[in-house]
Amino acid sequence: MKKGLIIKPNTALDNKTGAWRTHRPITNQDKCIGCSLCAKLCPEGCIEMISINNKQKPRTDYDYCKGCGLCAKECPVKVIAMKEDY
């Protein structure tokens, strides 16, 4: 076995993967109902729910978001739009 092929635990946070996405999710916080479905469905776990004016709202960590669009597709009130990211 070659040296360096084994990745140490917890090193994924060192590998920011958002740089190669083509689209980014933009959430309309005013219309968001705070259901947290986007955070639960995100395959990368880069959406966290935070408190804004005593209501839970999503915040996306764009350093790790790959722009898959699953959050926008599954949002029950369609307040997440996928915008081109250069």
PDB file of N, CA and C in Angstrom:
ATOM      1  N   MET A   1       0.847  -1.178   0.000  1.00  0.00           N
ATOM      2  CA  MET A   1       0.000   0.000   0.000  1.00  0.00           C
ATOM      3  C   MET A   1       0.894   1.244   0.000  1.00  0.00           C
ATOM      4  N   LYS A   2       0.509   2.224  -0.789  1.00  0.00           N
ATOM      5  CA  LYS A   2       1.276   3.460  -0.867  1.00  0.00           C
ATOM      6  C   LYS A   2       1.012   4.336   0.342  1.00  0.00           C
ATOM      7  N   LYS A   3       2.008   5.074   0.726  1.00  0.00           N
ATOM      8  CA  LYS A   3       1.860   6.016   1.832  1.00  0.00           C
ATOM      9  C   LYS A   3       0.979   7.190   1.401  1.00  0.00           C
ATOM     10  N   GLY A   4       0.171   7.680   2.335  1.00  0.00           N
ATOM     11  CA  GLY A   4      -0.629   8.867   2.048  1.00  0.00           C
ATOM     12  C   GLY A   4      -2.019   8.596   1.493  1.00  0.00           C
ATOM     13  N   LEU A   5      -2.389   7.340   1.313  1.00  0.00           N
ATOM     14  CA  LEU A   5      -3.708   7.039   0.775  1.00  0.00           C
ATOM     15  C   LEU A   5      -4.787   7.013   1.846  1.00  0.00           C
ATOM     16  N   ILE A   6      -4.392   6.841   3.065  1.00  0.00           N
ATOM     17  CA  ILE A   6      -5.366   6.792   4.152  1.00  0.00           C
ATOM     18  C   ILE A   6      -5.601   8.207   4.652  1.00  0.00           C
ATOM     19  N   ILE A   7      -6.858   8.593   4.670  1.00  0.00           N
ATOM     20  CA  ILE A   7      -7.221   9.929   5.133  1.00  0.00           C
ATOM     21  C   ILE A   7      -7.554   9.856   6.612  1.00  0.00           C
ATOM     22  N   LYS A   8      -7.011  10.762   7.367  1.00  0.00           N
ATOM     23  CA  LYS A   8      -7.266  10.792   8.797  1.00  0.00           C
ATOM     24  C   LYS A   8      -8.707  11.215   9.061  1.00  0.00           C
ATOM     25  N   PRO A   9      -9.303  10.739  10.139  1.00  0.00           N
ATOM     26  CA  PRO A   9     -10.663  11.133  10.470  1.00  0.00           C
ATOM     27  C   PRO A   9     -10.770  12.643  10.654  1.00  0.00           C
ATOM     28  N   ASN A  10     -11.929  13.156  10.288  1.00  0.00           N
ATOM     29  CA  ASN A  10     -12.253  14.567  10.490  1.00  0.00           C
ATOM     30  C   ASN A  10     -11.463  15.515   9.595  1.00  0.00           C
ATOM     31  N   THR A  11     -10.904  15.045   8.490  1.00  0.00           N
ATOM     32  CA  THR A  11     -10.144  15.934   7.621  1.00  0.00           C
ATOM     33  C   THR A  11     -10.999  16.518   6.507  1.00  0.00           C
ATOM     34  N   ALA A  12     -12.247  16.106   6.387  1.00  0.00           N
ATOM     35  CA  ALA A  12     -13.116  16.644   5.340  1.00  0.00           C
ATOM     36  C   ALA A  12     -13.296  18.149   5.483  1.00  0.00           C
ATOM     37  N   LEU A  13     -13.238  18.646   6.706  1.00  0.00           N
ATOM     38  CA  LEU A  13     -13.390  20.088   6.917  1.00  0.00           C
ATOM     39  C   LEU A  13     -12.218  20.873   6.352  1.00  0.00           C
ATOM     40  N   ASP A  14     -11.097  20.213   6.121  1.00  0.00           N
ATOM     41  CA  ASP A  14      -9.945  20.881   5.523  1.00  0.00           C
ATOM     42  C   ASP A  14     -10.070  20.978   4.009  1.00  0.00           C
ATOM     43  N   ASN A  15     -10.940  20.195   3.420  1.00  0.00           N
ATOM     44  CA  ASN A  15     -11.067  20.120   1.961  1.00  0.00           C
ATOM     45  C   ASN A  15     -12.318  20.863   1.508  1.00  0.00           C
ATOM     46  N   LYS A  16     -12.208  22.154   1.331  1.00  0.00           N
ATOM     47  CA  LYS A  16     -13.344  22.957   0.903  1.00  0.00           C
ATOM     48  C   LYS A  16     -13.678  22.611  -0.538  1.00  0.00           C
ATOM     49  N   THR A  17     -14.908  22.149  -0.764  1.00  0.00           N
ATOM     50  CA  THR A  17     -15.290  21.618  -2.069  1.00  0.00           C
ATOM     51  C   THR A  17     -16.243  22.519  -2.842  1.00  0.00           C
ATOM     52  N   GLY A  18     -16.605  23.660  -2.283  1.00  0.00           N
ATOM     53  CA  GLY A  18     -17.574  24.531  -2.939  1.00  0.00           C
ATOM     54  C   GLY A  18     -17.056  25.281  -4.146  1.00  0.00           C
ATOM     55  N   ALA A  19     -15.757  25.310  -4.347  1.00  0.00           N
ATOM     56  CA  ALA A  19     -15.176  26.106  -5.426  1.00  0.00           C
ATOM     57  C   ALA A  19     -15.540  25.606  -6.821  1.00  0.00           C
ATOM     58  N   TRP A  20     -15.932  24.356  -6.958  1.00  0.00           N
ATOM     59  CA  TRP A  20     -16.212  23.846  -8.292  1.00  0.00           C
ATOM     60  C   TRP A  20     -17.695  23.754  -8.617  1.00  0.00           C
ATOM     61  N   ARG A  21     -18.549  24.328  -7.767  1.00  0.00           N
ATOM     62  CA  ARG A  21     -19.992  24.295  -8.069  1.00  0.00           C
ATOM     63  C   ARG A  21     -20.302  25.284  -9.186  1.00  0.00           C
ATOM     64  N   THR A  22     -21.380  25.049  -9.909  1.00  0.00           N
ATOM     65  CA  THR A  22     -21.810  25.948 -10.983  1.00  0.00           C
ATOM     66  C   THR A  22     -23.008  26.799 -10.562  1.00  0.00           C
ATOM     67  N   HIS A  23     -23.745  26.353  -9.548  1.00  0.00           N
ATOM     68  CA  HIS A  23     -24.904  27.095  -9.045  1.00  0.00           C
ATOM     69  C   HIS A  23     -24.866  27.095  -7.524  1.00  0.00           C
ATOM     70  N   ARG A  24     -25.422  28.152  -6.931  1.00  0.00           N
ATOM     71  CA  ARG A  24     -25.479  28.238  -5.470  1.00  0.00           C
ATOM     72  C   ARG A  24     -26.915  28.494  -5.041  1.00  0.00           C
ATOM     73  N   PRO A  25     -27.337  27.898  -3.924  1.00  0.00           N
ATOM     74  CA  PRO A  25     -28.696  28.129  -3.424  1.00  0.00           C
ATOM     75  C   PRO A  25     -28.785  29.468  -2.695  1.00  0.00           C
ATOM     76  N   ILE A  26     -29.785  30.251  -3.038  1.00  0.00           N
ATOM     77  CA  ILE A  26     -30.053  31.521  -2.375  1.00  0.00           C
ATOM     78  C   ILE A  26     -31.434  31.399  -1.733  1.00  0.00           C
ATOM     79  N   THR A  27     -31.506  31.586  -0.424  1.00  0.00           N
ATOM     80  CA  THR A  27     -32.755  31.420   0.315  1.00  0.00           C
ATOM     81  C   THR A  27     -33.379  32.773   0.622  1.00  0.00           C
ATOM     82  N   ASN A  28     -34.656  32.915   0.316  1.00  0.00           N
ATOM     83  CA  ASN A  28     -35.409  34.106   0.685  1.00  0.00           C
ATOM     84  C   ASN A  28     -35.811  33.934   2.147  1.00  0.00           C
ATOM     85  N   GLN A  29     -35.031  34.523   3.042  1.00  0.00           N
ATOM     86  CA  GLN A  29     -35.248  34.338   4.474  1.00  0.00           C
ATOM     87  C   GLN A  29     -36.598  34.889   4.935  1.00  0.00           C
ATOM     88  N   ASP A  30     -37.120  35.915   4.255  1.00  0.00           N
ATOM     89  CA  ASP A  30     -38.398  36.507   4.658  1.00  0.00           C
ATOM     90  C   ASP A  30     -39.564  35.544   4.448  1.00  0.00           C
ATOM     91  N   LYS A  31     -39.473  34.705   3.424  1.00  0.00           N
ATOM     92  CA  LYS A  31     -40.575  33.785   3.112  1.00  0.00           C
ATOM     93  C   LYS A  31     -40.352  32.371   3.638  1.00  0.00           C
ATOM     94  N   CYS A  32     -39.138  32.091   4.121  1.00  0.00           N
ATOM     95  CA  CYS A  32     -38.814  30.762   4.651  1.00  0.00           C
ATOM     96  C   CYS A  32     -39.674  30.472   5.884  1.00  0.00           C
ATOM     97  N   ILE A  33     -40.233  29.260   5.956  1.00  0.00           N
ATOM     98  CA  ILE A  33     -41.084  28.885   7.091  1.00  0.00           C
ATOM     99  C   ILE A  33     -40.294  28.157   8.186  1.00  0.00           C
ATOM    100  N   GLY A  34     -39.013  27.925   7.966  1.00  0.00           N
ATOM    101  CA  GLY A  34     -38.156  27.321   8.991  1.00  0.00           C
ATOM    102  C   GLY A  34     -38.420  25.851   9.247  1.00  0.00           C
ATOM    103  N   CYS A  35     -38.842  25.119   8.234  1.00  0.00           N
ATOM    104  CA  CYS A  35     -39.172  23.698   8.409  1.00  0.00           C
ATOM    105  C   CYS A  35     -37.930  22.818   8.578  1.00  0.00           C
ATOM    106  N   SER A  36     -36.769  23.298   8.168  1.00  0.00           N
ATOM    107  CA  SER A  36     -35.465  22.628   8.232  1.00  0.00           C
ATOM    108  C   SER A  36     -35.329  21.427   7.300  1.00  0.00           C
ATOM    109  N   LEU A  37     -36.227  21.273   6.354  1.00  0.00           N
ATOM    110  CA  LEU A  37     -36.131  20.163   5.407  1.00  0.00           C
ATOM    111  C   LEU A  37     -34.855  20.277   4.573  1.00  0.00           C
ATOM    112  N   CYS A  38     -34.489  21.494   4.201  1.00  0.00           N
ATOM    113  CA  CYS A  38     -33.271  21.680   3.401  1.00  0.00           C
ATOM    114  C   CYS A  38     -32.040  21.186   4.159  1.00  0.00           C
ATOM    115  N   ALA A  39     -31.969  21.517   5.440  1.00  0.00           N
ATOM    116  CA  ALA A  39     -30.820  21.096   6.261  1.00  0.00           C
ATOM    117  C   ALA A  39     -30.797  19.590   6.439  1.00  0.00           C
ATOM    118  N   LYS A  40     -31.956  18.986   6.568  1.00  0.00           N
ATOM    119  CA  LYS A  40     -32.032  17.531   6.759  1.00  0.00           C
ATOM    120  C   LYS A  40     -31.661  16.774   5.491  1.00  0.00           C
ATOM    121  N   LEU A  41     -31.987  17.352   4.331  1.00  0.00           N
ATOM    122  CA  LEU A  41     -31.761  16.654   3.065  1.00  0.00           C
ATOM    123  C   LEU A  41     -30.407  16.939   2.425  1.00  0.00           C
ATOM    124  N   CYS A  42     -29.719  17.965   2.872  1.00  0.00           N
ATOM    125  CA  CYS A  42     -28.440  18.328   2.255  1.00  0.00           C
ATOM    126  C   CYS A  42     -27.449  17.168   2.381  1.00  0.00           C
ATOM    127  N   PRO A  43     -26.992  16.620   1.248  1.00  0.00           N
ATOM    128  CA  PRO A  43     -26.085  15.476   1.320  1.00  0.00           C
ATOM    129  C   PRO A  43     -24.704  15.833   1.877  1.00  0.00           C
ATOM    130  N   GLU A  44     -24.353  17.105   1.866  1.00  0.00           N
ATOM    131  CA  GLU A  44     -23.057  17.533   2.380  1.00  0.00           C
ATOM    132  C   GLU A  44     -23.141  18.061   3.804  1.00  0.00           C
ATOM    133  N   GLY A  45     -24.349  18.244   4.313  1.00  0.00           N
ATOM    134  CA  GLY A  45     -24.507  18.757   5.671  1.00  0.00           C
ATOM    135  C   GLY A  45     -24.026  20.187   5.822  1.00  0.00           C
ATOM    136  N   CYS A  46     -24.099  20.963   4.758  1.00  0.00           N
ATOM    137  CA  CYS A  46     -23.575  22.331   4.818  1.00  0.00           C
ATOM    138  C   CYS A  46     -24.660  23.377   5.070  1.00  0.00           C
ATOM    139  N   ILE A  47     -25.876  22.933   5.371  1.00  0.00           N
ATOM    140  CA  ILE A  47     -26.942  23.866   5.747  1.00  0.00           C
ATOM    141  C   ILE A  47     -27.237  23.648   7.221  1.00  0.00           C
ATOM    142  N   GLU A  48     -27.142  24.733   7.977  1.00  0.00           N
ATOM    143  CA  GLU A  48     -27.479  24.643   9.395  1.00  0.00           C
ATOM    144  C   GLU A  48     -28.609  25.622   9.686  1.00  0.00           C
ATOM    145  N   MET A  49     -29.413  25.284  10.666  1.00  0.00           N
ATOM    146  CA  MET A  49     -30.507  26.150  11.077  1.00  0.00           C
ATOM    147  C   MET A  49     -29.999  27.067  12.181  1.00  0.00           C
ATOM    148  N   ILE A  50     -30.217  28.362  11.988  1.00  0.00           N
ATOM    149  CA  ILE A  50     -29.799  29.355  12.971  1.00  0.00           C
ATOM    150  C   ILE A  50     -31.008  30.194  13.379  1.00  0.00           C
ATOM    151  N   SER A  51     -30.919  30.846  14.503  1.00  0.00           N
ATOM    152  CA  SER A  51     -32.014  31.673  14.985  1.00  0.00           C
ATOM    153  C   SER A  51     -31.880  33.092  14.436  1.00  0.00           C
ATOM    154  N   ILE A  52     -32.901  33.526  13.718  1.00  0.00           N
ATOM    155  CA  ILE A  52     -32.983  34.892  13.200  1.00  0.00           C
ATOM    156  C   ILE A  52     -34.330  35.449  13.655  1.00  0.00           C
ATOM    157  N   ASN A  53     -34.294  36.465  14.478  1.00  0.00           N
ATOM    158  CA  ASN A  53     -35.526  37.059  15.035  1.00  0.00           C
ATOM    159  C   ASN A  53     -36.401  36.005  15.706  1.00  0.00           C
ATOM    160  N   ASN A  54     -35.766  35.137  16.483  1.00  0.00           N
ATOM    161  CA  ASN A  54     -36.454  34.070  17.227  1.00  0.00           C
ATOM    162  C   ASN A  54     -37.132  33.037  16.335  1.00  0.00           C
ATOM    163  N   LYS A  55     -36.715  32.936  15.092  1.00  0.00           N
ATOM    164  CA  LYS A  55     -37.236  31.909  14.174  1.00  0.00           C
ATOM    165  C   LYS A  55     -36.052  31.166  13.590  1.00  0.00           C
ATOM    166  N   GLN A  56     -36.220  29.888  13.360  1.00  0.00           N
ATOM    167  CA  GLN A  56     -35.157  29.073  12.782  1.00  0.00           C
ATOM    168  C   GLN A  56     -35.124  29.269  11.267  1.00  0.00           C
ATOM    169  N   LYS A  57     -33.941  29.631  10.764  1.00  0.00           N
ATOM    170  CA  LYS A  57     -33.747  29.867   9.335  1.00  0.00           C
ATOM    171  C   LYS A  57     -32.471  29.156   8.889  1.00  0.00           C
ATOM    172  N   PRO A  58     -32.404  28.739   7.610  1.00  0.00           N
ATOM    173  CA  PRO A  58     -31.206  28.037   7.135  1.00  0.00           C
ATOM    174  C   PRO A  58     -30.071  28.986   6.777  1.00  0.00           C
ATOM    175  N   ARG A  59     -28.850  28.521   7.031  1.00  0.00           N
ATOM    176  CA  ARG A  59     -27.654  29.226   6.594  1.00  0.00           C
ATOM    177  C   ARG A  59     -26.783  28.201   5.878  1.00  0.00           C
ATOM    178  N   THR A  60     -26.382  28.523   4.661  1.00  0.00           N
ATOM    179  CA  THR A  60     -25.580  27.613   3.844  1.00  0.00           C
ATOM    180  C   THR A  60     -24.111  27.982   3.924  1.00  0.00           C
ATOM    181  N   ASP A  61     -23.283  26.993   4.174  1.00  0.00           N
ATOM    182  CA  ASP A  61     -21.838  27.187   4.173  1.00  0.00           C
ATOM    183  C   ASP A  61     -21.355  26.949   2.747  1.00  0.00           C
ATOM    184  N   TYR A  62     -21.111  28.040   2.027  1.00  0.00           N
ATOM    185  CA  TYR A  62     -20.743  27.939   0.610  1.00  0.00           C
ATOM    186  C   TYR A  62     -19.339  27.372   0.394  1.00  0.00           C
ATOM    187  N   ASP A  63     -18.549  27.272   1.440  1.00  0.00           N
ATOM    188  CA  ASP A  63     -17.239  26.633   1.296  1.00  0.00           C
ATOM    189  C   ASP A  63     -17.384  25.152   0.963  1.00  0.00           C
ATOM    190  N   TYR A  64     -18.500  24.554   1.370  1.00  0.00           N
ATOM    191  CA  TYR A  64     -18.700  23.110   1.176  1.00  0.00           C
ATOM    192  C   TYR A  64     -19.886  22.770   0.280  1.00  0.00           C
ATOM    193  N   CYS A  65     -20.754  23.733  -0.012  1.00  0.00           N
ATOM    194  CA  CYS A  65     -21.921  23.484  -0.864  1.00  0.00           C
ATOM    195  C   CYS A  65     -21.453  23.167  -2.281  1.00  0.00           C
ATOM    196  N   LYS A  66     -21.931  22.054  -2.808  1.00  0.00           N
ATOM    197  CA  LYS A  66     -21.548  21.638  -4.155  1.00  0.00           C
ATOM    198  C   LYS A  66     -22.567  22.075  -5.212  1.00  0.00           C
ATOM    199  N   GLY A  67     -23.655  22.717  -4.777  1.00  0.00           N
ATOM    200  CA  GLY A  67     -24.640  23.242  -5.719  1.00  0.00           C
ATOM    201  C   GLY A  67     -25.510  22.179  -6.352  1.00  0.00           C
ATOM    202  N   CYS A  68     -25.794  21.105  -5.636  1.00  0.00           N
ATOM    203  CA  CYS A  68     -26.586  20.004  -6.209  1.00  0.00           C
ATOM    204  C   CYS A  68     -28.042  20.401  -6.458  1.00  0.00           C
ATOM    205  N   GLY A  69     -28.570  21.365  -5.681  1.00  0.00           N
ATOM    206  CA  GLY A  69     -29.934  21.832  -5.881  1.00  0.00           C
ATOM    207  C   GLY A  69     -31.007  21.035  -5.183  1.00  0.00           C
ATOM    208  N   LEU A  70     -30.619  20.043  -4.400  1.00  0.00           N
ATOM    209  CA  LEU A  70     -31.601  19.223  -3.700  1.00  0.00           C
ATOM    210  C   LEU A  70     -32.434  20.065  -2.733  1.00  0.00           C
ATOM    211  N   CYS A  71     -31.799  21.000  -2.069  1.00  0.00           N
ATOM    212  CA  CYS A  71     -32.525  21.862  -1.127  1.00  0.00           C
ATOM    213  C   CYS A  71     -33.604  22.665  -1.851  1.00  0.00           C
ATOM    214  N   ALA A  72     -33.271  23.230  -3.001  1.00  0.00           N
ATOM    215  CA  ALA A  72     -34.228  24.029  -3.771  1.00  0.00           C
ATOM    216  C   ALA A  72     -35.357  23.164  -4.320  1.00  0.00           C
ATOM    217  N   LYS A  73     -35.021  21.978  -4.773  1.00  0.00           N
ATOM    218  CA  LYS A  73     -36.031  21.083  -5.354  1.00  0.00           C
ATOM    219  C   LYS A  73     -37.038  20.611  -4.314  1.00  0.00           C
ATOM    220  N   GLU A  74     -36.572  20.346  -3.106  1.00  0.00           N
ATOM    221  CA  GLU A  74     -37.449  19.777  -2.085  1.00  0.00           C
ATOM    222  C   GLU A  74     -38.080  20.800  -1.140  1.00  0.00           C
ATOM    223  N   CYS A  75     -37.717  22.065  -1.246  1.00  0.00           N
ATOM    224  CA  CYS A  75     -38.285  23.095  -0.371  1.00  0.00           C
ATOM    225  C   CYS A  75     -39.806  23.158  -0.581  1.00  0.00           C
ATOM    226  N   PRO A  76     -40.605  22.956   0.481  1.00  0.00           N
ATOM    227  CA  PRO A  76     -42.061  22.905   0.318  1.00  0.00           C
ATOM    228  C   PRO A  76     -42.688  24.239  -0.077  1.00  0.00           C
ATOM    229  N   VAL A  77     -42.024  25.354   0.206  1.00  0.00           N
ATOM    230  CA  VAL A  77     -42.584  26.663  -0.156  1.00  0.00           C
ATOM    231  C   VAL A  77     -41.786  27.342  -1.274  1.00  0.00           C
ATOM    232  N   LYS A  78     -40.827  26.625  -1.828  1.00  0.00           N
ATOM    233  CA  LYS A  78     -40.038  27.071  -2.992  1.00  0.00           C
ATOM    234  C   LYS A  78     -39.405  28.443  -2.795  1.00  0.00           C
ATOM    235  N   VAL A  79     -38.727  28.625  -1.655  1.00  0.00           N
ATOM    236  CA  VAL A  79     -38.058  29.898  -1.380  1.00  0.00           C
ATOM    237  C   VAL A  79     -36.548  29.822  -1.594  1.00  0.00           C
ATOM    238  N   ILE A  80     -36.064  28.681  -2.097  1.00  0.00           N
ATOM    239  CA  ILE A  80     -34.640  28.533  -2.396  1.00  0.00           C
ATOM    240  C   ILE A  80     -34.481  28.510  -3.905  1.00  0.00           C
ATOM    241  N   ALA A  81     -33.710  29.452  -4.404  1.00  0.00           N
ATOM    242  CA  ALA A  81     -33.463  29.547  -5.859  1.00  0.00           C
ATOM    243  C   ALA A  81     -32.003  29.210  -6.127  1.00  0.00           C
ATOM    244  N   MET A  82     -31.775  28.491  -7.209  1.00  0.00           N
ATOM    245  CA  MET A  82     -30.401  28.166  -7.610  1.00  0.00           C
ATOM    246  C   MET A  82     -29.954  29.232  -8.604  1.00  0.00           C
ATOM    247  N   LYS A  83     -28.926  29.971  -8.216  1.00  0.00           N
ATOM    248  CA  LYS A  83     -28.377  31.043  -9.053  1.00  0.00           C
ATOM    249  C   LYS A  83     -27.012  30.630  -9.583  1.00  0.00           C
ATOM    250  N   GLU A  84     -26.693  31.090 -10.802  1.00  0.00           N
ATOM    251  CA  GLU A  84     -25.386  30.771 -11.380  1.00  0.00           C
ATOM    252  C   GLU A  84     -24.280  31.306 -10.490  1.00  0.00           C
ATOM    253  N   ASP A  85     -23.238  30.516 -10.364  1.00  0.00           N
ATOM    254  CA  ASP A  85     -22.091  30.880  -9.536  1.00  0.00           C
ATOM    255  C   ASP A  85     -20.851  30.783 -10.397  1.00  0.00           C
ATOM    256  N   TYR A  86     -20.095  31.830 -10.474  1.00  0.00           N
ATOM    257  CA  TYR A  86     -18.917  31.852 -11.339  1.00  0.00           C
ATOM    258  C   TYR A  86     -17.663  31.609 -10.564  1.00  0.00           C
TER     259      TYR A  86
END
